[in-house]
Amino acid sequence: MATHAELAARLLRDAAFFFRTVAEQNPVLKDQMEENATVFEQVANMVEADPLGHLPDGE
């Protein structure tokens, strides 16, 4: 059975894949979609590594 954090990380990675697919199909949006994908993957990594972690103030 998956934890909430594992599910969240999987959903974030699926969203990153979606953004990359949109980027491949739409050159006008490519840079923004790639940036979105990268952010979603970074958050997925954070959720997996430290599910209860806190962001520094101002983030």
C-alpha atoms as a PDB file:
ATOM      1  CA  MET A   1       0.000   0.000   0.000  1.00  0.00           C
ATOM      2  CA  ALA A   2       1.394   3.394  -0.988  1.00  0.00           C
ATOM      3  CA  THR A   3       1.742   6.264   1.447  1.00  0.00           C
ATOM      4  CA  HIS A   4       0.278   9.697   0.779  1.00  0.00           C
ATOM      5  CA  ALA A   5       3.802  10.966   0.089  1.00  0.00           C
ATOM      6  CA  GLU A   6       4.468   8.214  -2.444  1.00  0.00           C
ATOM      7  CA  LEU A   7       1.199   8.959  -4.203  1.00  0.00           C
ATOM      8  CA  ALA A   8       1.962  12.675  -4.218  1.00  0.00           C
ATOM      9  CA  ALA A   9       5.415  12.068  -5.695  1.00  0.00           C
ATOM     10  CA  ARG A  10       3.946   9.812  -8.390  1.00  0.00           C
ATOM     11  CA  LEU A  11       1.329  12.414  -9.307  1.00  0.00           C
ATOM     12  CA  LEU A  12       3.972  15.132  -9.475  1.00  0.00           C
ATOM     13  CA  ARG A  13       6.106  12.982 -11.781  1.00  0.00           C
ATOM     14  CA  ASP A  14       3.073  12.248 -13.967  1.00  0.00           C
ATOM     15  CA  ALA A  15       2.442  15.990 -14.226  1.00  0.00           C
ATOM     16  CA  ALA A  16       6.089  16.540 -15.182  1.00  0.00           C
ATOM     17  CA  PHE A  17       5.700  13.941 -17.928  1.00  0.00           C
ATOM     18  CA  PHE A  18       2.568  15.748 -19.149  1.00  0.00           C
ATOM     19  CA  PHE A  19       4.413  19.082 -19.253  1.00  0.00           C
ATOM     20  CA  ARG A  20       7.265  17.513 -21.222  1.00  0.00           C
ATOM     21  CA  THR A  21       4.777  16.011 -23.682  1.00  0.00           C
ATOM     22  CA  VAL A  22       3.166  19.420 -24.190  1.00  0.00           C
ATOM     23  CA  ALA A  23       6.639  20.933 -24.636  1.00  0.00           C
ATOM     24  CA  GLU A  24       7.477  18.448 -27.386  1.00  0.00           C
ATOM     25  CA  GLN A  25       4.256  19.194 -29.231  1.00  0.00           C
ATOM     26  CA  ASN A  26       4.214  22.983 -28.856  1.00  0.00           C
ATOM     27  CA  PRO A  27       7.494  24.841 -29.455  1.00  0.00           C
ATOM     28  CA  VAL A  28       5.925  28.144 -28.363  1.00  0.00           C
ATOM     29  CA  LEU A  29       5.317  26.745 -24.873  1.00  0.00           C
ATOM     30  CA  LYS A  30       8.425  24.563 -24.699  1.00  0.00           C
ATOM     31  CA  ASP A  31      10.522  26.652 -22.303  1.00  0.00           C
ATOM     32  CA  GLN A  32       7.691  27.198 -19.810  1.00  0.00           C
ATOM     33  CA  MET A  33       6.573  23.570 -19.936  1.00  0.00           C
ATOM     34  CA  GLU A  34      10.140  22.326 -19.386  1.00  0.00           C
ATOM     35  CA  GLU A  35      10.488  24.672 -16.427  1.00  0.00           C
ATOM     36  CA  ASN A  36       7.203  23.404 -14.974  1.00  0.00           C
ATOM     37  CA  ALA A  37       8.330  19.797 -15.422  1.00  0.00           C
ATOM     38  CA  THR A  38      11.609  20.478 -13.642  1.00  0.00           C
ATOM     39  CA  VAL A  39       9.871  22.130 -10.682  1.00  0.00           C
ATOM     40  CA  PHE A  40       7.365  19.282 -10.355  1.00  0.00           C
ATOM     41  CA  GLU A  41      10.192  16.715 -10.399  1.00  0.00           C
ATOM     42  CA  GLN A  42      12.132  18.665  -7.764  1.00  0.00           C
ATOM     43  CA  VAL A  43       9.092  18.753  -5.487  1.00  0.00           C
ATOM     44  CA  ALA A  44       8.518  15.022  -6.057  1.00  0.00           C
ATOM     45  CA  ASN A  45      12.097  14.395  -4.935  1.00  0.00           C
ATOM     46  CA  MET A  46      11.598  16.571  -1.844  1.00  0.00           C
ATOM     47  CA  VAL A  47       8.359  14.779  -0.900  1.00  0.00           C
ATOM     48  CA  GLU A  48      10.024  11.385  -1.242  1.00  0.00           C
ATOM     49  CA  ALA A  49      13.196  12.341   0.608  1.00  0.00           C
ATOM     50  CA  ASP A  50      11.549  14.217   3.474  1.00  0.00           C
ATOM     51  CA  PRO A  51       7.740  13.983   3.447  1.00  0.00           C
ATOM     52  CA  LEU A  52       7.361  16.173   6.529  1.00  0.00           C
ATOM     53  CA  GLY A  53      10.110  18.624   5.660  1.00  0.00           C
ATOM     54  CA  HIS A  54       9.628  22.362   5.807  1.00  0.00           C
ATOM     55  CA  LEU A  55      10.543  24.983   3.255  1.00  0.00           C
ATOM     56  CA  PRO A  56      12.806  27.778   4.423  1.00  0.00           C
ATOM     57  CA  ASP A  57      11.010  31.026   5.198  1.00  0.00           C
ATOM     58  CA  GLY A  58      10.300  33.020   2.064  1.00  0.00           C
ATOM     59  CA  GLU A  59      10.048  29.999  -0.254  1.00  0.00           C
END
